[in-house]
Amino acid sequence: MMELNNYITIHEAAKQLGIHEESLRRIIRIRTLPAEKIGGQWFISKEQLAIFSNAYDPKTGKRRHII
């Protein structure tokens, strides 16, 4: 069983990333960011969100290019 202390909701994750909730749902649907659906609500691992946010540019909606 997963511990919910290590997960956050779509609302919280979108707020952290600075993007709209529906944009985040789209990212999850295309499997760019792994998430778990429990009882009709998506939960994202804090660890996975941290990894994703380091490579994601909210202005362009694409991965950042590191030189």
PDB file of N, CA and C in Angstrom:
ATOM      1  N   MET A   1       0.835  -1.182   0.000  1.00  0.00           N
ATOM      2  CA  MET A   1       0.000   0.000   0.000  1.00  0.00           C
ATOM      3  C   MET A   1       0.880   1.246   0.000  1.00  0.00           C
ATOM      4  N   MET A   2       0.500   2.241  -0.801  1.00  0.00           N
ATOM      5  CA  MET A   2       1.306   3.455  -0.887  1.00  0.00           C
ATOM      6  C   MET A   2       0.994   4.409   0.259  1.00  0.00           C
ATOM      7  N   GLU A   3       2.012   5.129   0.692  1.00  0.00           N
ATOM      8  CA  GLU A   3       1.835   6.104   1.754  1.00  0.00           C
ATOM      9  C   GLU A   3       1.536   7.454   1.141  1.00  0.00           C
ATOM     10  N   LEU A   4       0.402   8.033   1.473  1.00  0.00           N
ATOM     11  CA  LEU A   4      -0.016   9.294   0.870  1.00  0.00           C
ATOM     12  C   LEU A   4       0.827  10.477   1.320  1.00  0.00           C
ATOM     13  N   ASN A   5       1.652  10.307   2.350  1.00  0.00           N
ATOM     14  CA  ASN A   5       2.538  11.396   2.783  1.00  0.00           C
ATOM     15  C   ASN A   5       3.569  11.727   1.717  1.00  0.00           C
ATOM     16  N   ASN A   6       3.875  10.755   0.850  1.00  0.00           N
ATOM     17  CA  ASN A   6       4.879  10.946  -0.191  1.00  0.00           C
ATOM     18  C   ASN A   6       4.270  11.409  -1.506  1.00  0.00           C
ATOM     19  N   TYR A   7       2.962  11.716  -1.508  1.00  0.00           N
ATOM     20  CA  TYR A   7       2.255  12.091  -2.729  1.00  0.00           C
ATOM     21  C   TYR A   7       1.530  13.411  -2.541  1.00  0.00           C
ATOM     22  N   ILE A   8       1.310  14.132  -3.648  1.00  0.00           N
ATOM     23  CA  ILE A   8       0.519  15.361  -3.612  1.00  0.00           C
ATOM     24  C   ILE A   8      -0.532  15.297  -4.716  1.00  0.00           C
ATOM     25  N   THR A   9      -1.536  16.150  -4.601  1.00  0.00           N
ATOM     26  CA  THR A   9      -2.633  16.170  -5.560  1.00  0.00           C
ATOM     27  C   THR A   9      -2.246  16.969  -6.805  1.00  0.00           C
ATOM     28  N   ILE A  10      -3.085  16.848  -7.825  1.00  0.00           N
ATOM     29  CA  ILE A  10      -2.900  17.625  -9.060  1.00  0.00           C
ATOM     30  C   ILE A  10      -2.897  19.120  -8.738  1.00  0.00           C
ATOM     31  N   HIS A  11      -3.817  19.533  -7.902  1.00  0.00           N
ATOM     32  CA  HIS A  11      -3.928  20.956  -7.549  1.00  0.00           C
ATOM     33  C   HIS A  11      -2.623  21.475  -6.948  1.00  0.00           C
ATOM     34  N   GLU A  12      -2.076  20.747  -5.988  1.00  0.00           N
ATOM     35  CA  GLU A  12      -0.833  21.168  -5.338  1.00  0.00           C
ATOM     36  C   GLU A  12       0.342  21.143  -6.313  1.00  0.00           C
ATOM     37  N   ALA A  13       0.416  20.091  -7.132  1.00  0.00           N
ATOM     38  CA  ALA A  13       1.526  19.957  -8.082  1.00  0.00           C
ATOM     39  C   ALA A  13       1.483  21.056  -9.139  1.00  0.00           C
ATOM     40  N   ALA A  14       0.304  21.354  -9.650  1.00  0.00           N
ATOM     41  CA  ALA A  14       0.168  22.407 -10.664  1.00  0.00           C
ATOM     42  C   ALA A  14       0.583  23.757 -10.094  1.00  0.00           C
ATOM     43  N   LYS A  15       0.221  23.991  -8.856  1.00  0.00           N
ATOM     44  CA  LYS A  15       0.586  25.236  -8.191  1.00  0.00           C
ATOM     45  C   LYS A  15       2.109  25.344  -8.060  1.00  0.00           C
ATOM     46  N   GLN A  16       2.760  24.242  -7.691  1.00  0.00           N
ATOM     47  CA  GLN A  16       4.220  24.238  -7.553  1.00  0.00           C
ATOM     48  C   GLN A  16       4.911  24.479  -8.893  1.00  0.00           C
ATOM     49  N   LEU A  17       4.354  23.895  -9.963  1.00  0.00           N
ATOM     50  CA  LEU A  17       4.949  24.034 -11.289  1.00  0.00           C
ATOM     51  C   LEU A  17       4.609  25.361 -11.953  1.00  0.00           C
ATOM     52  N   GLY A  18       3.560  26.023 -11.455  1.00  0.00           N
ATOM     53  CA  GLY A  18       3.142  27.296 -12.049  1.00  0.00           C
ATOM     54  C   GLY A  18       2.372  27.102 -13.345  1.00  0.00           C
ATOM     55  N   ILE A  19       1.624  25.998 -13.443  1.00  0.00           N
ATOM     56  CA  ILE A  19       0.834  25.727 -14.638  1.00  0.00           C
ATOM     57  C   ILE A  19      -0.607  25.419 -14.243  1.00  0.00           C
ATOM     58  N   HIS A  20      -1.483  25.397 -15.229  1.00  0.00           N
ATOM     59  CA  HIS A  20      -2.899  25.100 -15.000  1.00  0.00           C
ATOM     60  C   HIS A  20      -3.065  23.607 -14.707  1.00  0.00           C
ATOM     61  N   GLU A  21      -4.053  23.275 -13.890  1.00  0.00           N
ATOM     62  CA  GLU A  21      -4.307  21.872 -13.529  1.00  0.00           C
ATOM     63  C   GLU A  21      -4.575  21.012 -14.765  1.00  0.00           C
ATOM     64  N   GLU A  22      -5.304  21.542 -15.729  1.00  0.00           N
ATOM     65  CA  GLU A  22      -5.616  20.768 -16.930  1.00  0.00           C
ATOM     66  C   GLU A  22      -4.356  20.502 -17.751  1.00  0.00           C
ATOM     67  N   SER A  23      -3.428  21.432 -17.755  1.00  0.00           N
ATOM     68  CA  SER A  23      -2.146  21.210 -18.438  1.00  0.00           C
ATOM     69  C   SER A  23      -1.394  20.057 -17.786  1.00  0.00           C
ATOM     70  N   LEU A  24      -1.445  19.999 -16.469  1.00  0.00           N
ATOM     71  CA  LEU A  24      -0.776  18.918 -15.747  1.00  0.00           C
ATOM     72  C   LEU A  24      -1.462  17.577 -16.022  1.00  0.00           C
ATOM     73  N   ARG A  25      -2.787  17.573 -16.094  1.00  0.00           N
ATOM     74  CA  ARG A  25      -3.504  16.334 -16.438  1.00  0.00           C
ATOM     75  C   ARG A  25      -3.100  15.842 -17.833  1.00  0.00           C
ATOM     76  N   ARG A  26      -2.921  16.782 -18.763  1.00  0.00           N
ATOM     77  CA  ARG A  26      -2.489  16.432 -20.119  1.00  0.00           C
ATOM     78  C   ARG A  26      -1.093  15.803 -20.081  1.00  0.00           C
ATOM     79  N   ILE A  27      -0.209  16.357 -19.281  1.00  0.00           N
ATOM     80  CA  ILE A  27       1.146  15.818 -19.139  1.00  0.00           C
ATOM     81  C   ILE A  27       1.089  14.398 -18.582  1.00  0.00           C
ATOM     82  N   ILE A  28       0.208  14.166 -17.637  1.00  0.00           N
ATOM     83  CA  ILE A  28       0.055  12.823 -17.061  1.00  0.00           C
ATOM     84  C   ILE A  28      -0.521  11.862 -18.094  1.00  0.00           C
ATOM     85  N   ARG A  29      -1.516  12.326 -18.884  1.00  0.00           N
ATOM     86  CA  ARG A  29      -2.129  11.458 -19.898  1.00  0.00           C
ATOM     87  C   ARG A  29      -1.124  10.985 -20.942  1.00  0.00           C
ATOM     88  N   ILE A  30      -0.189  11.858 -21.331  1.00  0.00           N
ATOM     89  CA  ILE A  30       0.794  11.439 -22.335  1.00  0.00           C
ATOM     90  C   ILE A  30       1.995  10.738 -21.692  1.00  0.00           C
ATOM     91  N   ARG A  31       1.881  10.497 -20.398  1.00  0.00           N
ATOM     92  CA  ARG A  31       2.847   9.712 -19.619  1.00  0.00           C
ATOM     93  C   ARG A  31       4.234  10.339 -19.520  1.00  0.00           C
ATOM     94  N   THR A  32       4.276  11.661 -19.521  1.00  0.00           N
ATOM     95  CA  THR A  32       5.534  12.362 -19.298  1.00  0.00           C
ATOM     96  C   THR A  32       5.855  12.402 -17.808  1.00  0.00           C
ATOM     97  N   LEU A  33       4.798  12.411 -17.005  1.00  0.00           N
ATOM     98  CA  LEU A  33       4.940  12.427 -15.546  1.00  0.00           C
ATOM     99  C   LEU A  33       4.107  11.283 -14.977  1.00  0.00           C
ATOM    100  N   PRO A  34       4.730  10.336 -14.297  1.00  0.00           N
ATOM    101  CA  PRO A  34       3.970   9.226 -13.713  1.00  0.00           C
ATOM    102  C   PRO A  34       3.072   9.704 -12.567  1.00  0.00           C
ATOM    103  N   ALA A  35       1.869   9.135 -12.486  1.00  0.00           N
ATOM    104  CA  ALA A  35       0.925   9.470 -11.421  1.00  0.00           C
ATOM    105  C   ALA A  35       0.051   8.256 -11.137  1.00  0.00           C
ATOM    106  N   GLU A  36      -0.557   8.256  -9.964  1.00  0.00           N
ATOM    107  CA  GLU A  36      -1.450   7.171  -9.546  1.00  0.00           C
ATOM    108  C   GLU A  36      -2.852   7.739  -9.382  1.00  0.00           C
ATOM    109  N   LYS A  37      -3.829   7.028  -9.884  1.00  0.00           N
ATOM    110  CA  LYS A  37      -5.215   7.461  -9.717  1.00  0.00           C
ATOM    111  C   LYS A  37      -5.864   6.617  -8.626  1.00  0.00           C
ATOM    112  N   ILE A  38      -6.329   7.289  -7.575  1.00  0.00           N
ATOM    113  CA  ILE A  38      -6.946   6.604  -6.435  1.00  0.00           C
ATOM    114  C   ILE A  38      -8.286   7.269  -6.166  1.00  0.00           C
ATOM    115  N   GLY A  39      -9.342   6.487  -6.242  1.00  0.00           N
ATOM    116  CA  GLY A  39     -10.668   7.018  -5.962  1.00  0.00           C
ATOM    117  C   GLY A  39     -11.064   8.169  -6.854  1.00  0.00           C
ATOM    118  N   GLY A  40     -10.621   8.156  -8.098  1.00  0.00           N
ATOM    119  CA  GLY A  40     -10.979   9.204  -9.046  1.00  0.00           C
ATOM    120  C   GLY A  40     -10.116  10.448  -8.970  1.00  0.00           C
ATOM    121  N   GLN A  41      -9.091  10.446  -8.105  1.00  0.00           N
ATOM    122  CA  GLN A  41      -8.210  11.610  -7.963  1.00  0.00           C
ATOM    123  C   GLN A  41      -6.772  11.192  -8.244  1.00  0.00           C
ATOM    124  N   TRP A  42      -6.051  12.034  -8.986  1.00  0.00           N
ATOM    125  CA  TRP A  42      -4.662  11.754  -9.309  1.00  0.00           C
ATOM    126  C   TRP A  42      -3.751  12.183  -8.168  1.00  0.00           C
ATOM    127  N   PHE A  43      -2.739  11.356  -7.913  1.00  0.00           N
ATOM    128  CA  PHE A  43      -1.705  11.674  -6.939  1.00  0.00           C
ATOM    129  C   PHE A  43      -0.349  11.512  -7.612  1.00  0.00           C
ATOM    130  N   ILE A  44       0.547  12.448  -7.325  1.00  0.00           N
ATOM    131  CA  ILE A  44       1.875  12.452  -7.932  1.00  0.00           C
ATOM    132  C   ILE A  44       2.903  12.310  -6.824  1.00  0.00           C
ATOM    133  N   SER A  45       3.870  11.431  -7.036  1.00  0.00           N
ATOM    134  CA  SER A  45       4.953  11.249  -6.084  1.00  0.00           C
ATOM    135  C   SER A  45       5.762  12.536  -5.985  1.00  0.00           C
ATOM    136  N   LYS A  46       6.069  12.952  -4.772  1.00  0.00           N
ATOM    137  CA  LYS A  46       6.872  14.167  -4.578  1.00  0.00           C
ATOM    138  C   LYS A  46       8.238  14.020  -5.239  1.00  0.00           C
ATOM    139  N   GLU A  47       8.791  12.816  -5.181  1.00  0.00           N
ATOM    140  CA  GLU A  47      10.092  12.555  -5.797  1.00  0.00           C
ATOM    141  C   GLU A  47      10.013  12.697  -7.314  1.00  0.00           C
ATOM    142  N   GLN A  48       8.983  12.110  -7.927  1.00  0.00           N
ATOM    143  CA  GLN A  48       8.818  12.207  -9.377  1.00  0.00           C
ATOM    144  C   GLN A  48       8.556  13.646  -9.810  1.00  0.00           C
ATOM    145  N   LEU A  49       7.797  14.391  -9.018  1.00  0.00           N
ATOM    146  CA  LEU A  49       7.527  15.784  -9.342  1.00  0.00           C
ATOM    147  C   LEU A  49       8.809  16.611  -9.297  1.00  0.00           C
ATOM    148  N   ALA A  50       9.663  16.344  -8.324  1.00  0.00           N
ATOM    149  CA  ALA A  50      10.933  17.064  -8.222  1.00  0.00           C
ATOM    150  C   ALA A  50      11.805  16.793  -9.445  1.00  0.00           C
ATOM    151  N   ILE A  51      11.865  15.554  -9.869  1.00  0.00           N
ATOM    152  CA  ILE A  51      12.651  15.192 -11.057  1.00  0.00           C
ATOM    153  C   ILE A  51      12.072  15.882 -12.286  1.00  0.00           C
ATOM    154  N   PHE A  52      10.751  15.827 -12.428  1.00  0.00           N
ATOM    155  CA  PHE A  52      10.081  16.440 -13.576  1.00  0.00           C
ATOM    156  C   PHE A  52      10.277  17.948 -13.589  1.00  0.00           C
ATOM    157  N   SER A  53      10.129  18.593 -12.436  1.00  0.00           N
ATOM    158  CA  SER A  53      10.207  20.055 -12.387  1.00  0.00           C
ATOM    159  C   SER A  53      11.607  20.575 -12.714  1.00  0.00           C
ATOM    160  N   ASN A  54      12.628  19.775 -12.467  1.00  0.00           N
ATOM    161  CA  ASN A  54      13.989  20.194 -12.812  1.00  0.00           C
ATOM    162  C   ASN A  54      14.218  20.237 -14.320  1.00  0.00           C
ATOM    163  N   ALA A  55      13.424  19.469 -15.062  1.00  0.00           N
ATOM    164  CA  ALA A  55      13.613  19.395 -16.508  1.00  0.00           C
ATOM    165  C   ALA A  55      12.498  20.083 -17.291  1.00  0.00           C
ATOM    166  N   TYR A  56      11.527  20.675 -16.622  1.00  0.00           N
ATOM    167  CA  TYR A  56      10.357  21.238 -17.295  1.00  0.00           C
ATOM    168  C   TYR A  56      10.381  22.756 -17.259  1.00  0.00           C
ATOM    169  N   ASP A  57      10.101  23.386 -18.393  1.00  0.00           N
ATOM    170  CA  ASP A  57      10.012  24.836 -18.483  1.00  0.00           C
ATOM    171  C   ASP A  57       8.541  25.220 -18.654  1.00  0.00           C
ATOM    172  N   PRO A  58       7.906  25.792 -17.639  1.00  0.00           N
ATOM    173  CA  PRO A  58       6.477  26.097 -17.729  1.00  0.00           C
ATOM    174  C   PRO A  58       6.133  27.138 -18.795  1.00  0.00           C
ATOM    175  N   LYS A  59       7.087  27.974 -19.189  1.00  0.00           N
ATOM    176  CA  LYS A  59       6.816  28.988 -20.215  1.00  0.00           C
ATOM    177  C   LYS A  59       6.616  28.363 -21.583  1.00  0.00           C
ATOM    178  N   THR A  60       7.426  27.377 -21.909  1.00  0.00           N
ATOM    179  CA  THR A  60       7.325  26.750 -23.224  1.00  0.00           C
ATOM    180  C   THR A  60       6.576  25.432 -23.186  1.00  0.00           C
ATOM    181  N   GLY A  61       6.471  24.846 -22.006  1.00  0.00           N
ATOM    182  CA  GLY A  61       5.805  23.546 -21.897  1.00  0.00           C
ATOM    183  C   GLY A  61       6.687  22.409 -22.360  1.00  0.00           C
ATOM    184  N   LYS A  62       7.984  22.674 -22.468  1.00  0.00           N
ATOM    185  CA  LYS A  62       8.920  21.651 -22.946  1.00  0.00           C
ATOM    186  C   LYS A  62      10.041  21.463 -21.944  1.00  0.00           C
ATOM    187  N   ARG A  63      10.809  20.423 -22.176  1.00  0.00           N
ATOM    188  CA  ARG A  63      11.963  20.166 -21.317  1.00  0.00           C
ATOM    189  C   ARG A  63      13.009  21.257 -21.518  1.00  0.00           C
ATOM    190  N   ARG A  64      13.668  21.602 -20.443  1.00  0.00           N
ATOM    191  CA  ARG A  64      14.758  22.563 -20.513  1.00  0.00           C
ATOM    192  C   ARG A  64      15.966  21.913 -21.180  1.00  0.00           C
ATOM    193  N   HIS A  65      16.690  22.691 -21.927  1.00  0.00           N
ATOM    194  CA  HIS A  65      17.922  22.207 -22.529  1.00  0.00           C
ATOM    195  C   HIS A  65      19.089  22.698 -21.691  1.00  0.00           C
ATOM    196  N   ILE A  66      19.844  21.767 -21.173  1.00  0.00           N
ATOM    197  CA  ILE A  66      20.998  22.115 -20.346  1.00  0.00           C
ATOM    198  C   ILE A  66      22.236  22.115 -21.225  1.00  0.00           C
ATOM    199  N   ILE A  67      22.938  23.222 -21.186  1.00  0.00           N
ATOM    200  CA  ILE A  67      24.126  23.365 -22.042  1.00  0.00           C
ATOM    201  C   ILE A  67      25.344  22.881 -21.309  1.00  0.00           C
TER     202      ILE A  67
END
